[in-house]
PDB file of N, CA and C in Angstrom:
ATOM      1  N   MET A   1      27.692  23.363 -54.669  1.00  0.00           N
ATOM      2  CA  MET A   1      28.449  23.073 -53.472  1.00  0.00           C
ATOM      3  C   MET A   1      28.889  24.394 -52.839  1.00  0.00           C
ATOM      4  N   PRO A   2      28.714  24.500 -51.548  1.00  0.00           N
ATOM      5  CA  PRO A   2      29.155  25.722 -50.873  1.00  0.00           C
ATOM      6  C   PRO A   2      30.680  25.865 -50.898  1.00  0.00           C
ATOM      7  N   ARG A   3      31.140  27.022 -51.199  1.00  0.00           N
ATOM      8  CA  ARG A   3      32.583  27.306 -51.246  1.00  0.00           C
ATOM      9  C   ARG A   3      33.193  27.225 -49.853  1.00  0.00           C
ATOM     10  N   ASP A   4      32.367  27.397 -48.828  1.00  0.00           N
ATOM     11  CA  ASP A   4      32.857  27.360 -47.439  1.00  0.00           C
ATOM     12  C   ASP A   4      33.421  25.993 -47.073  1.00  0.00           C
ATOM     13  N   LEU A   5      32.870  24.929 -47.639  1.00  0.00           N
ATOM     14  CA  LEU A   5      33.394  23.584 -47.351  1.00  0.00           C
ATOM     15  C   LEU A   5      34.824  23.433 -47.857  1.00  0.00           C
ATOM     16  N   GLU A   6      35.085  23.920 -49.052  1.00  0.00           N
ATOM     17  CA  GLU A   6      36.438  23.846 -49.600  1.00  0.00           C
ATOM     18  C   GLU A   6      37.403  24.709 -48.793  1.00  0.00           C
ATOM     19  N   GLU A   7      36.968  25.899 -48.452  1.00  0.00           N
ATOM     20  CA  GLU A   7      37.827  26.788 -47.677  1.00  0.00           C
ATOM     21  C   GLU A   7      38.135  26.210 -46.306  1.00  0.00           C
ATOM     22  N   ALA A   8      37.150  25.582 -45.670  1.00  0.00           N
ATOM     23  CA  ALA A   8      37.380  24.967 -44.357  1.00  0.00           C
ATOM     24  C   ALA A   8      38.371  23.814 -44.469  1.00  0.00           C
ATOM     25  N   ALA A   9      38.298  23.054 -45.558  1.00  0.00           N
ATOM     26  CA  ALA A   9      39.240  21.950 -45.746  1.00  0.00           C
ATOM     27  C   ALA A   9      40.651  22.475 -45.971  1.00  0.00           C
ATOM     28  N   PHE A  10      40.787  23.554 -46.734  1.00  0.00           N
ATOM     29  CA  PHE A  10      42.115  24.126 -46.957  1.00  0.00           C
ATOM     30  C   PHE A  10      42.697  24.706 -45.668  1.00  0.00           C
ATOM     31  N   VAL A  11      41.851  25.303 -44.842  1.00  0.00           N
ATOM     32  CA  VAL A  11      42.319  25.830 -43.556  1.00  0.00           C
ATOM     33  C   VAL A  11      42.797  24.689 -42.661  1.00  0.00           C
ATOM     34  N   ASP A  12      42.121  23.536 -42.741  1.00  0.00           N
ATOM     35  CA  ASP A  12      42.520  22.380 -41.929  1.00  0.00           C
ATOM     36  C   ASP A  12      43.744  21.663 -42.483  1.00  0.00           C
ATOM     37  N   GLY A  13      44.237  22.084 -43.651  1.00  0.00           N
ATOM     38  CA  GLY A  13      45.470  21.516 -44.187  1.00  0.00           C
ATOM     39  C   GLY A  13      45.266  20.485 -45.279  1.00  0.00           C
ATOM     40  N   ALA A  14      44.071  20.333 -45.789  1.00  0.00           N
ATOM     41  CA  ALA A  14      43.831  19.368 -46.857  1.00  0.00           C
ATOM     42  C   ALA A  14      44.241  19.964 -48.195  1.00  0.00           C
ATOM     43  N   GLY A  15      44.776  19.116 -49.058  1.00  0.00           N
ATOM     44  CA  GLY A  15      45.147  19.555 -50.400  1.00  0.00           C
ATOM     45  C   GLY A  15      43.942  19.515 -51.330  1.00  0.00           C
ATOM     46  N   VAL A  16      44.205  19.782 -52.583  1.00  0.00           N
ATOM     47  CA  VAL A  16      43.127  19.834 -53.570  1.00  0.00           C
ATOM     48  C   VAL A  16      42.502  18.457 -53.767  1.00  0.00           C
ATOM     49  N   PHE A  17      43.338  17.432 -53.960  1.00  0.00           N
ATOM     50  CA  PHE A  17      42.815  16.089 -54.201  1.00  0.00           C
ATOM     51  C   PHE A  17      42.096  15.522 -52.984  1.00  0.00           C
ATOM     52  N   ARG A  18      42.669  15.738 -51.818  1.00  0.00           N
ATOM     53  CA  ARG A  18      42.015  15.240 -50.593  1.00  0.00           C
ATOM     54  C   ARG A  18      40.683  15.953 -50.364  1.00  0.00           C
ATOM     55  N   THR A  19      40.632  17.239 -50.633  1.00  0.00           N
ATOM     56  CA  THR A  19      39.384  17.985 -50.488  1.00  0.00           C
ATOM     57  C   THR A  19      38.317  17.431 -51.420  1.00  0.00           C
ATOM     58  N   PHE A  20      38.729  17.154 -52.665  1.00  0.00           N
ATOM     59  CA  PHE A  20      37.753  16.636 -53.615  1.00  0.00           C
ATOM     60  C   PHE A  20      37.272  15.251 -53.220  1.00  0.00           C
ATOM     61  N   TRP A  21      38.195  14.322 -52.935  1.00  0.00           N
ATOM     62  CA  TRP A  21      37.805  12.924 -52.696  1.00  0.00           C
ATOM     63  C   TRP A  21      37.166  12.690 -51.334  1.00  0.00           C
ATOM     64  N   GLN A  22      37.481  13.486 -50.337  1.00  0.00           N
ATOM     65  CA  GLN A  22      36.920  13.234 -49.010  1.00  0.00           C
ATOM     66  C   GLN A  22      35.777  14.166 -48.627  1.00  0.00           C
ATOM     67  N   ILE A  23      35.616  15.277 -49.307  1.00  0.00           N
ATOM     68  CA  ILE A  23      34.560  16.215 -48.923  1.00  0.00           C
ATOM     69  C   ILE A  23      33.570  16.451 -50.061  1.00  0.00           C
ATOM     70  N   ILE A  24      34.078  16.827 -51.224  1.00  0.00           N
ATOM     71  CA  ILE A  24      33.192  17.205 -52.322  1.00  0.00           C
ATOM     72  C   ILE A  24      32.532  15.978 -52.958  1.00  0.00           C
ATOM     73  N   PHE A  25      33.318  14.970 -53.321  1.00  0.00           N
ATOM     74  CA  PHE A  25      32.764  13.818 -54.028  1.00  0.00           C
ATOM     75  C   PHE A  25      31.730  13.034 -53.222  1.00  0.00           C
ATOM     76  N   PRO A  26      31.924  12.797 -51.922  1.00  0.00           N
ATOM     77  CA  PRO A  26      30.852  12.112 -51.178  1.00  0.00           C
ATOM     78  C   PRO A  26      29.527  12.884 -51.173  1.00  0.00           C
ATOM     79  N   LEU A  27      29.587  14.203 -51.233  1.00  0.00           N
ATOM     80  CA  LEU A  27      28.356  14.980 -51.295  1.00  0.00           C
ATOM     81  C   LEU A  27      27.714  14.920 -52.681  1.00  0.00           C
ATOM     82  N   LEU A  28      28.521  14.694 -53.701  1.00  0.00           N
ATOM     83  CA  LEU A  28      28.020  14.612 -55.075  1.00  0.00           C
ATOM     84  C   LEU A  28      27.728  13.177 -55.519  1.00  0.00           C
ATOM     85  N   ARG A  29      27.922  12.206 -54.669  1.00  0.00           N
ATOM     86  CA  ARG A  29      27.757  10.804 -55.053  1.00  0.00           C
ATOM     87  C   ARG A  29      26.351  10.470 -55.556  1.00  0.00           C
ATOM     88  N   PRO A  30      25.261  10.907 -54.928  1.00  0.00           N
ATOM     89  CA  PRO A  30      23.939  10.590 -55.485  1.00  0.00           C
ATOM     90  C   PRO A  30      23.709  11.186 -56.872  1.00  0.00           C
ATOM     91  N   VAL A  31      24.186  12.396 -57.083  1.00  0.00           N
ATOM     92  CA  VAL A  31      24.023  13.028 -58.391  1.00  0.00           C
ATOM     93  C   VAL A  31      24.870  12.297 -59.432  1.00  0.00           C
ATOM     94  N   THR A  32      26.092  11.936 -59.069  1.00  0.00           N
ATOM     95  CA  THR A  32      26.968  11.210 -59.987  1.00  0.00           C
ATOM     96  C   THR A  32      26.391   9.846 -60.322  1.00  0.00           C
ATOM     97  N   ALA A  33      25.855   9.143 -59.343  1.00  0.00           N
ATOM     98  CA  ALA A  33      25.255   7.827 -59.589  1.00  0.00           C
ATOM     99  C   ALA A  33      24.052   7.941 -60.523  1.00  0.00           C
ATOM    100  N   THR A  34      23.220   8.937 -60.328  1.00  0.00           N
ATOM    101  CA  THR A  34      22.066   9.136 -61.199  1.00  0.00           C
ATOM    102  C   THR A  34      22.507   9.439 -62.621  1.00  0.00           C
ATOM    103  N   LEU A  35      23.518  10.263 -62.774  1.00  0.00           N
ATOM    104  CA  LEU A  35      24.038  10.596 -64.094  1.00  0.00           C
ATOM    105  C   LEU A  35      24.617   9.366 -64.791  1.00  0.00           C
ATOM    106  N   VAL A  36      25.364   8.546 -64.073  1.00  0.00           N
ATOM    107  CA  VAL A  36      25.928   7.317 -64.651  1.00  0.00           C
ATOM    108  C   VAL A  36      24.821   6.351 -65.060  1.00  0.00           C
ATOM    109  N   ILE A  37      23.803   6.213 -64.244  1.00  0.00           N
ATOM    110  CA  ILE A  37      22.701   5.298 -64.547  1.00  0.00           C
ATOM    111  C   ILE A  37      21.946   5.747 -65.787  1.00  0.00           C
ATOM    112  N   PHE A  38      21.599   7.004 -65.867  1.00  0.00           N
ATOM    113  CA  PHE A  38      20.854   7.504 -67.029  1.00  0.00           C
ATOM    114  C   PHE A  38      21.684   7.421 -68.305  1.00  0.00           C
ATOM    115  N   ASN A  39      22.987   7.710 -68.231  1.00  0.00           N
ATOM    116  CA  ASN A  39      23.838   7.594 -69.410  1.00  0.00           C
ATOM    117  C   ASN A  39      24.002   6.148 -69.850  1.00  0.00           C
ATOM    118  N   THR A  40      24.104   5.225 -68.912  1.00  0.00           N
ATOM    119  CA  THR A  40      24.200   3.808 -69.262  1.00  0.00           C
ATOM    120  C   THR A  40      22.952   3.351 -69.989  1.00  0.00           C
ATOM    121  N   ILE A  41      21.792   3.729 -69.499  1.00  0.00           N
ATOM    122  CA  ILE A  41      20.538   3.358 -70.149  1.00  0.00           C
ATOM    123  C   ILE A  41      20.446   4.017 -71.524  1.00  0.00           C
ATOM    124  N   TRP A  42      20.852   5.264 -71.658  1.00  0.00           N
ATOM    125  CA  TRP A  42      20.815   5.966 -72.933  1.00  0.00           C
ATOM    126  C   TRP A  42      21.716   5.280 -73.961  1.00  0.00           C
ATOM    127  N   ILE A  43      22.945   4.942 -73.567  1.00  0.00           N
ATOM    128  CA  ILE A  43      23.885   4.310 -74.494  1.00  0.00           C
ATOM    129  C   ILE A  43      23.418   2.913 -74.870  1.00  0.00           C
ATOM    130  N   TRP A  44      22.890   2.151 -73.929  1.00  0.00           N
ATOM    131  CA  TRP A  44      22.416   0.805 -74.231  1.00  0.00           C
ATOM    132  C   TRP A  44      21.266   0.835 -75.244  1.00  0.00           C
ATOM    133  N   ASN A  45      20.378   1.771 -75.111  1.00  0.00           N
ATOM    134  CA  ASN A  45      19.206   1.835 -75.971  1.00  0.00           C
ATOM    135  C   ASN A  45      19.444   2.608 -77.262  1.00  0.00           C
ATOM    136  N   ASP A  46      20.650   3.091 -77.509  1.00  0.00           N
ATOM    137  CA  ASP A  46      20.927   3.884 -78.700  1.00  0.00           C
ATOM    138  C   ASP A  46      20.845   3.001 -79.945  1.00  0.00           C
ATOM    139  N   PHE A  47      19.967   3.373 -80.855  1.00  0.00           N
ATOM    140  CA  PHE A  47      19.785   2.620 -82.090  1.00  0.00           C
ATOM    141  C   PHE A  47      20.343   3.379 -83.288  1.00  0.00           C
ATOM    142  N   LEU A  48      20.101   4.658 -83.343  1.00  0.00           N
ATOM    143  CA  LEU A  48      20.415   5.429 -84.532  1.00  0.00           C
ATOM    144  C   LEU A  48      21.913   5.458 -84.830  1.00  0.00           C
ATOM    145  N   LEU A  49      22.737   5.681 -83.818  1.00  0.00           N
ATOM    146  CA  LEU A  49      24.174   5.778 -84.043  1.00  0.00           C
ATOM    147  C   LEU A  49      24.752   4.465 -84.562  1.00  0.00           C
ATOM    148  N   SER A  50      24.366   3.356 -83.972  1.00  0.00           N
ATOM    149  CA  SER A  50      24.871   2.070 -84.450  1.00  0.00           C
ATOM    150  C   SER A  50      24.296   1.727 -85.823  1.00  0.00           C
ATOM    151  N   TYR A  51      23.080   2.123 -86.093  1.00  0.00           N
ATOM    152  CA  TYR A  51      22.478   1.861 -87.398  1.00  0.00           C
ATOM    153  C   TYR A  51      23.187   2.647 -88.506  1.00  0.00           C
ATOM    154  N   LEU A  52      23.637   3.845 -88.201  1.00  0.00           N
ATOM    155  CA  LEU A  52      24.309   4.661 -89.206  1.00  0.00           C
ATOM    156  C   LEU A  52      25.737   4.212 -89.484  1.00  0.00           C
ATOM    157  N   PHE A  53      26.463   3.751 -88.474  1.00  0.00           N
ATOM    158  CA  PHE A  53      27.884   3.479 -88.640  1.00  0.00           C
ATOM    159  C   PHE A  53      28.232   2.013 -88.868  1.00  0.00           C
ATOM    160  N   LEU A  54      27.391   1.079 -88.451  1.00  0.00           N
ATOM    161  CA  LEU A  54      27.696  -0.335 -88.655  1.00  0.00           C
ATOM    162  C   LEU A  54      27.008  -0.827 -89.914  1.00  0.00           C
ATOM    163  N   SER A  55      27.787  -1.308 -90.860  1.00  0.00           N
ATOM    164  CA  SER A  55      27.201  -1.725 -92.131  1.00  0.00           C
ATOM    165  C   SER A  55      26.923  -3.223 -92.187  1.00  0.00           C
ATOM    166  N   SER A  56      27.691  -4.040 -91.483  1.00  0.00           N
ATOM    167  CA  SER A  56      27.482  -5.486 -91.552  1.00  0.00           C
ATOM    168  C   SER A  56      26.617  -5.964 -90.393  1.00  0.00           C
ATOM    169  N   THR A  57      25.863  -7.026 -90.639  1.00  0.00           N
ATOM    170  CA  THR A  57      24.970  -7.546 -89.592  1.00  0.00           C
ATOM    171  C   THR A  57      25.695  -8.388 -88.563  1.00  0.00           C
ATOM    172  N   ASP A  58      26.918  -8.847 -88.849  1.00  0.00           N
ATOM    173  CA  ASP A  58      27.644  -9.648 -87.861  1.00  0.00           C
ATOM    174  C   ASP A  58      28.186  -8.801 -86.713  1.00  0.00           C
ATOM    175  N   LYS A  59      28.242  -7.492 -86.871  1.00  0.00           N
ATOM    176  CA  LYS A  59      28.679  -6.589 -85.802  1.00  0.00           C
ATOM    177  C   LYS A  59      27.525  -5.816 -85.193  1.00  0.00           C
ATOM    178  N   ALA A  60      26.312  -6.204 -85.495  1.00  0.00           N
ATOM    179  CA  ALA A  60      25.132  -5.452 -85.065  1.00  0.00           C
ATOM    180  C   ALA A  60      24.909  -5.580 -83.557  1.00  0.00           C
ATOM    181  N   THR A  61      24.378  -4.525 -82.973  1.00  0.00           N
ATOM    182  CA  THR A  61      24.034  -4.540 -81.559  1.00  0.00           C
ATOM    183  C   THR A  61      22.670  -5.208 -81.377  1.00  0.00           C
ATOM    184  N   LEU A  62      22.265  -5.412 -80.133  1.00  0.00           N
ATOM    185  CA  LEU A  62      20.972  -6.046 -79.881  1.00  0.00           C
ATOM    186  C   LEU A  62      19.810  -5.215 -80.403  1.00  0.00           C
ATOM    187  N   THR A  63      19.901  -3.904 -80.268  1.00  0.00           N
ATOM    188  CA  THR A  63      18.808  -3.064 -80.762  1.00  0.00           C
ATOM    189  C   THR A  63      18.706  -3.125 -82.278  1.00  0.00           C
ATOM    190  N   MET A  64      19.830  -3.317 -82.961  1.00  0.00           N
ATOM    191  CA  MET A  64      19.782  -3.487 -84.413  1.00  0.00           C
ATOM    192  C   MET A  64      19.222  -4.857 -84.790  1.00  0.00           C
ATOM    193  N   GLN A  65      19.481  -5.863 -83.975  1.00  0.00           N
ATOM    194  CA  GLN A  65      18.931  -7.191 -84.257  1.00  0.00           C
ATOM    195  C   GLN A  65      17.415  -7.197 -84.130  1.00  0.00           C
ATOM    196  N   VAL A  66      16.888  -6.400 -83.235  1.00  0.00           N
ATOM    197  CA  VAL A  66      15.432  -6.275 -83.129  1.00  0.00           C
ATOM    198  C   VAL A  66      14.864  -5.720 -84.431  1.00  0.00           C
ATOM    199  N   TYR A  67      15.567  -4.798 -85.023  1.00  0.00           N
ATOM    200  CA  TYR A  67      15.116  -4.165 -86.259  1.00  0.00           C
ATOM    201  C   TYR A  67      15.146  -5.121 -87.460  1.00  0.00           C
ATOM    202  N   ASN A  68      15.859  -6.242 -87.361  1.00  0.00           N
ATOM    203  CA  ASN A  68      15.897  -7.213 -88.456  1.00  0.00           C
ATOM    204  C   ASN A  68      14.536  -7.837 -88.726  1.00  0.00           C
ATOM    205  N   GLY A  69      13.643  -7.822 -87.769  1.00  0.00           N
ATOM    206  CA  GLY A  69      12.318  -8.393 -87.970  1.00  0.00           C
ATOM    207  C   GLY A  69      11.360  -7.468 -88.702  1.00  0.00           C
ATOM    208  N   VAL A  70      11.784  -6.248 -89.001  1.00  0.00           N
ATOM    209  CA  VAL A  70      10.928  -5.285 -89.688  1.00  0.00           C
ATOM    210  C   VAL A  70      11.280  -5.274 -91.162  1.00  0.00           C
ATOM    211  N   GLY A  71      10.283  -5.522 -91.994  1.00  0.00           N
ATOM    212  CA  GLY A  71      10.478  -5.460 -93.431  1.00  0.00           C
ATOM    213  C   GLY A  71       9.717  -4.285 -94.013  1.00  0.00           C
ATOM    214  N   GLN A  72       9.768  -4.160 -95.324  1.00  0.00           N
ATOM    215  CA  GLN A  72       9.081  -3.034 -95.961  1.00  0.00           C
ATOM    216  C   GLN A  72       7.571  -3.214 -95.915  1.00  0.00           C
ATOM    217  N   TYR A  73       7.102  -4.446 -96.095  1.00  0.00           N
ATOM    218  CA  TYR A  73       5.660  -4.694 -96.159  1.00  0.00           C
ATOM    219  C   TYR A  73       5.153  -5.607 -95.047  1.00  0.00           C
ATOM    220  N   PHE A  74       6.021  -6.070 -94.191  1.00  0.00           N
ATOM    221  CA  PHE A  74       5.593  -6.978 -93.128  1.00  0.00           C
ATOM    222  C   PHE A  74       6.470  -6.793 -91.897  1.00  0.00           C
ATOM    223  N   THR A  75       5.997  -7.301 -90.782  1.00  0.00           N
ATOM    224  CA  THR A  75       6.767  -7.332 -89.545  1.00  0.00           C
ATOM    225  C   THR A  75       6.729  -8.751 -89.015  1.00  0.00           C
ATOM    226  N   ASP A  76       7.894  -9.343 -88.840  1.00  0.00           N
ATOM    227  CA  ASP A  76       7.986 -10.715 -88.350  1.00  0.00           C
ATOM    228  C   ASP A  76       8.037 -10.677 -86.822  1.00  0.00           C
ATOM    229  N   TRP A  77       6.869 -10.806 -86.206  1.00  0.00           N
ATOM    230  CA  TRP A  77       6.770 -10.699 -84.752  1.00  0.00           C
ATOM    231  C   TRP A  77       7.432 -11.866 -84.047  1.00  0.00           C
ATOM    232  N   SER A  78       7.556 -13.009 -84.701  1.00  0.00           N
ATOM    233  CA  SER A  78       8.212 -14.154 -84.062  1.00  0.00           C
ATOM    234  C   SER A  78       9.714 -13.922 -83.912  1.00  0.00           C
ATOM    235  N   ILE A  79      10.284 -13.033 -84.676  1.00  0.00           N
ATOM    236  CA  ILE A  79      11.693 -12.654 -84.498  1.00  0.00           C
ATOM    237  C   ILE A  79      11.811 -11.457 -83.555  1.00  0.00           C
ATOM    238  N   MET A  80      10.890 -10.515 -83.677  1.00  0.00           N
ATOM    239  CA  MET A  80      11.008  -9.274 -82.904  1.00  0.00           C
ATOM    240  C   MET A  80      10.788  -9.457 -81.406  1.00  0.00           C
ATOM    241  N   MET A  81       9.790 -10.225 -81.028  1.00  0.00           N
ATOM    242  CA  MET A  81       9.467 -10.328 -79.596  1.00  0.00           C
ATOM    243  C   MET A  81      10.575 -10.976 -78.765  1.00  0.00           C
ATOM    244  N   PRO A  82      11.153 -12.119 -79.174  1.00  0.00           N
ATOM    245  CA  PRO A  82      12.271 -12.635 -78.366  1.00  0.00           C
ATOM    246  C   PRO A  82      13.470 -11.693 -78.327  1.00  0.00           C
ATOM    247  N   MET A  83      13.737 -11.006 -79.434  1.00  0.00           N
ATOM    248  CA  MET A  83      14.858 -10.064 -79.442  1.00  0.00           C
ATOM    249  C   MET A  83      14.568  -8.849 -78.548  1.00  0.00           C
ATOM    250  N   LEU A  84      13.322  -8.413 -78.495  1.00  0.00           N
ATOM    251  CA  LEU A  84      12.964  -7.314 -77.587  1.00  0.00           C
ATOM    252  C   LEU A  84      13.161  -7.713 -76.132  1.00  0.00           C
ATOM    253  N   VAL A  85      12.787  -8.937 -75.806  1.00  0.00           N
ATOM    254  CA  VAL A  85      12.987  -9.426 -74.438  1.00  0.00           C
ATOM    255  C   VAL A  85      14.477  -9.496 -74.115  1.00  0.00           C
ATOM    256  N   LEU A  86      15.279 -10.012 -75.046  1.00  0.00           N
ATOM    257  CA  LEU A  86      16.723 -10.096 -74.818  1.00  0.00           C
ATOM    258  C   LEU A  86      17.371  -8.715 -74.722  1.00  0.00           C
ATOM    259  N   ALA A  87      16.862  -7.769 -75.484  1.00  0.00           N
ATOM    260  CA  ALA A  87      17.425  -6.426 -75.438  1.00  0.00           C
ATOM    261  C   ALA A  87      17.028  -5.686 -74.160  1.00  0.00           C
ATOM    262  N   MET A  88      15.841  -5.966 -73.643  1.00  0.00           N
ATOM    263  CA  MET A  88      15.369  -5.271 -72.442  1.00  0.00           C
ATOM    264  C   MET A  88      15.861  -5.901 -71.145  1.00  0.00           C
ATOM    265  N   LEU A  89      16.140  -7.182 -71.145  1.00  0.00           N
ATOM    266  CA  LEU A  89      16.489  -7.905 -69.924  1.00  0.00           C
ATOM    267  C   LEU A  89      17.699  -7.319 -69.185  1.00  0.00           C
ATOM    268  N   PRO A  90      18.823  -7.008 -69.847  1.00  0.00           N
ATOM    269  CA  PRO A  90      19.938  -6.417 -69.092  1.00  0.00           C
ATOM    270  C   PRO A  90      19.592  -5.076 -68.451  1.00  0.00           C
ATOM    271  N   MET A  91      18.785  -4.263 -69.123  1.00  0.00           N
ATOM    272  CA  MET A  91      18.422  -2.967 -68.553  1.00  0.00           C
ATOM    273  C   MET A  91      17.461  -3.114 -67.376  1.00  0.00           C
ATOM    274  N   VAL A  92      16.584  -4.100 -67.421  1.00  0.00           N
ATOM    275  CA  VAL A  92      15.683  -4.347 -66.290  1.00  0.00           C
ATOM    276  C   VAL A  92      16.484  -4.802 -65.080  1.00  0.00           C
ATOM    277  N   ILE A  93      17.434  -5.704 -65.293  1.00  0.00           N
ATOM    278  CA  ILE A  93      18.284  -6.169 -64.191  1.00  0.00           C
ATOM    279  C   ILE A  93      19.134  -5.021 -63.650  1.00  0.00           C
ATOM    280  N   PHE A  94      19.699  -4.214 -64.554  1.00  0.00           N
ATOM    281  CA  PHE A  94      20.493  -3.054 -64.145  1.00  0.00           C
ATOM    282  C   PHE A  94      19.653  -2.085 -63.321  1.00  0.00           C
ATOM    283  N   TYR A  95      18.431  -1.832 -63.761  1.00  0.00           N
ATOM    284  CA  TYR A  95      17.549  -0.923 -63.028  1.00  0.00           C
ATOM    285  C   TYR A  95      17.209  -1.475 -61.650  1.00  0.00           C
ATOM    286  N   LEU A  96      16.945  -2.770 -61.545  1.00  0.00           N
ATOM    287  CA  LEU A  96      16.604  -3.349 -60.246  1.00  0.00           C
ATOM    288  C   LEU A  96      17.747  -3.204 -59.251  1.00  0.00           C
ATOM    289  N   PHE A  97      18.989  -3.363 -59.722  1.00  0.00           N
ATOM    290  CA  PHE A  97      20.131  -3.203 -58.826  1.00  0.00           C
ATOM    291  C   PHE A  97      20.428  -1.746 -58.480  1.00  0.00           C
ATOM    292  N   MET A  98      20.144  -0.837 -59.412  1.00  0.00           N
ATOM    293  CA  MET A  98      20.506   0.561 -59.207  1.00  0.00           C
ATOM    294  C   MET A  98      19.329   1.442 -58.789  1.00  0.00           C
ATOM    295  N   GLN A  99      18.195   0.857 -58.500  1.00  0.00           N
ATOM    296  CA  GLN A  99      16.985   1.610 -58.186  1.00  0.00           C
ATOM    297  C   GLN A  99      17.160   2.527 -56.986  1.00  0.00           C
ATOM    298  N   ARG A 100      17.798   2.055 -55.949  1.00  0.00           N
ATOM    299  CA  ARG A 100      17.958   2.893 -54.753  1.00  0.00           C
ATOM    300  C   ARG A 100      18.858   4.085 -55.012  1.00  0.00           C
ATOM    301  N   HIS A 101      19.842   3.947 -55.916  1.00  0.00           N
ATOM    302  CA  HIS A 101      20.693   5.084 -56.264  1.00  0.00           C
ATOM    303  C   HIS A 101      19.924   6.124 -57.065  1.00  0.00           C
ATOM    304  N   ILE A 102      19.033   5.659 -57.924  1.00  0.00           N
ATOM    305  CA  ILE A 102      18.225   6.597 -58.711  1.00  0.00           C
ATOM    306  C   ILE A 102      17.336   7.417 -57.788  1.00  0.00           C
ATOM    307  N   VAL A 103      16.659   6.759 -56.866  1.00  0.00           N
ATOM    308  CA  VAL A 103      15.752   7.455 -55.954  1.00  0.00           C
ATOM    309  C   VAL A 103      16.520   8.390 -55.033  1.00  0.00           C
ATOM    310  N   SER A 104      17.667   7.946 -54.515  1.00  0.00           N
ATOM    311  CA  SER A 104      18.441   8.816 -53.621  1.00  0.00           C
ATOM    312  C   SER A 104      19.026   9.999 -54.381  1.00  0.00           C
ATOM    313  N   GLY A 105      19.393   9.803 -55.644  1.00  0.00           N
ATOM    314  CA  GLY A 105      19.927  10.906 -56.434  1.00  0.00           C
ATOM    315  C   GLY A 105      18.877  11.934 -56.785  1.00  0.00           C
ATOM    316  N   LEU A 106      17.669  11.481 -57.043  1.00  0.00           N
ATOM    317  CA  LEU A 106      16.607  12.412 -57.398  1.00  0.00           C
ATOM    318  C   LEU A 106      16.076  13.178 -56.190  1.00  0.00           C
ATOM    319  N   THR A 107      16.156  12.573 -55.014  1.00  0.00           N
ATOM    320  CA  THR A 107      15.637  13.240 -53.812  1.00  0.00           C
ATOM    321  C   THR A 107      16.736  13.887 -52.982  1.00  0.00           C
ATOM    322  N   ALA A 108      17.995  13.848 -53.436  1.00  0.00           N
ATOM    323  CA  ALA A 108      19.092  14.379 -52.634  1.00  0.00           C
ATOM    324  C   ALA A 108      18.966  15.880 -52.400  1.00  0.00           C
ATOM    325  N   GLY A 109      18.508  16.617 -53.367  1.00  0.00           N
ATOM    326  CA  GLY A 109      18.407  18.067 -53.192  1.00  0.00           C
ATOM    327  C   GLY A 109      17.135  18.525 -52.524  1.00  0.00           C
ATOM    328  N   SER A 110      16.215  17.586 -52.295  1.00  0.00           N
ATOM    329  CA  SER A 110      14.925  18.021 -51.739  1.00  0.00           C
ATOM    330  C   SER A 110      14.899  18.027 -50.212  1.00  0.00           C
ATOM    331  N   LEU A 111      15.872  17.405 -49.586  1.00  0.00           N
ATOM    332  CA  LEU A 111      15.901  17.341 -48.123  1.00  0.00           C
ATOM    333  C   LEU A 111      16.914  18.336 -47.570  1.00  0.00           C
ATOM    334  N   LYS A 112      16.562  18.920 -46.460  1.00  0.00           N
ATOM    335  CA  LYS A 112      17.483  19.853 -45.810  1.00  0.00           C
ATOM    336  C   LYS A 112      18.082  19.196 -44.584  1.00  0.00           C
ATOM    337  N   GLY A 113      19.359  19.369 -44.424  1.00  0.00           N
ATOM    338  CA  GLY A 113      19.972  18.852 -43.219  1.00  0.00           C
ATOM    339  C   GLY A 113      21.017  17.936 -43.503  1.00  0.00           C
TER     340      GLY A 113
END
């Protein structure tokens, strides 16, 4: 962010909070939205952390429930496939709603003007 924008706001009489919320944050909104979207997808799909810390199956996350169909010598596909669909469905819906924010966040720095 150019320092000149902040200085111009201070010259016009804006305080620190007003400068941030009315000038800086609207310019950073596409980047912030992209960061929130990617972190949400990362946290939703996290398997290792929940697998290490949750010991009982009654508190298991959806990604851990998918893993219940995997055995040492076999894989029960009739359990895994419906659980994979259930685990992926919220992220697909989330992506469909947030798609325009992802594209605008990724292309925000490529346009001049």
